[in-house]
Amino acid sequence: MPIKQRCGTPGRTCAAALDAHGYAHYYYEVEPLGVFIIENVFGSDVGLYYTSGEEVVKVR
């Protein structure tokens, strides 16, 4: 079961400054459930994922 993990690792913050339109941009990874669990237990990025990208969120 793939899990979408914002910032690639639990507990990290990775948003860039707001753009001119009031959006925050976040890096994300889609990773296997086992990798997600390991990252949560150890609190570090394993670096194994299916895909990654940028999530854009309206904050204003």
Protein backbone atom coordinates (compact mmCIF):
# COMPACT_ATOMS: atom_id res chain seq x y z
CA MET A 1 0.00 0.00 0.00
CA PRO A 2 1.74 3.21 -1.13
CA ILE A 3 1.89 6.10 1.34
CA LYS A 4 2.35 9.77 0.39
CA GLN A 5 4.91 11.24 2.81
CA ARG A 6 5.29 15.02 2.80
CA CYS A 7 8.93 16.19 3.03
CA GLY A 8 10.15 12.61 2.52
CA THR A 9 10.57 11.88 6.25
CA PRO A 10 8.29 12.17 9.28
CA GLY A 11 8.80 15.31 11.35
CA ARG A 12 10.64 17.32 8.69
CA THR A 13 9.54 20.72 7.50
CA CYS A 14 10.24 21.50 3.88
CA ALA A 15 7.90 24.24 2.66
CA ALA A 16 9.48 26.99 0.65
CA ALA A 17 8.50 30.61 1.15
CA LEU A 18 5.07 31.50 -0.19
CA ASP A 19 5.01 32.32 -3.87
CA ALA A 20 3.42 35.47 -5.29
CA HIS A 21 0.00 33.78 -5.43
CA GLY A 22 -0.06 32.64 -1.78
CA TYR A 23 0.88 28.99 -2.35
CA ALA A 24 3.36 26.93 -0.33
CA HIS A 25 5.33 24.26 -2.19
CA TYR A 26 6.14 20.97 -0.41
CA TYR A 27 8.35 18.09 -1.56
CA TYR A 28 6.73 14.65 -1.19
CA GLU A 29 7.55 10.99 -1.77
CA VAL A 30 5.19 8.07 -2.45
CA GLU A 31 6.78 5.11 -0.68
CA PRO A 32 5.96 1.52 0.33
CA LEU A 33 4.16 1.06 3.66
CA GLY A 34 7.17 -0.80 5.12
CA VAL A 35 9.50 2.11 4.33
CA PHE A 36 7.00 4.53 5.88
CA ILE A 37 6.93 2.46 9.10
CA ILE A 38 10.75 2.19 9.27
CA GLU A 39 11.10 5.96 8.76
CA ASN A 40 8.59 6.62 11.56
CA VAL A 41 10.40 4.27 13.96
CA PHE A 42 13.90 5.63 13.28
CA GLY A 43 12.97 9.22 12.33
CA SER A 44 15.21 9.32 9.28
CA ASP A 45 14.81 9.08 5.51
CA VAL A 46 15.44 5.63 4.01
CA GLY A 47 15.57 7.02 0.47
CA LEU A 48 13.47 4.27 -1.13
CA TYR A 49 10.32 5.52 -2.88
CA TYR A 50 8.16 4.90 -5.95
CA THR A 51 7.96 8.52 -7.07
CA SER A 52 8.38 12.04 -5.76
CA GLY A 53 7.10 15.47 -6.63
CA GLU A 54 5.93 18.84 -5.44
CA GLU A 55 2.62 19.49 -3.68
CA VAL A 56 1.20 23.02 -3.95
CA VAL A 57 -1.07 24.19 -1.12
CA LYS A 58 -3.06 27.45 -0.96
CA VAL A 59 -2.44 29.12 2.43
CA ARG A 60 -3.96 32.58 1.99
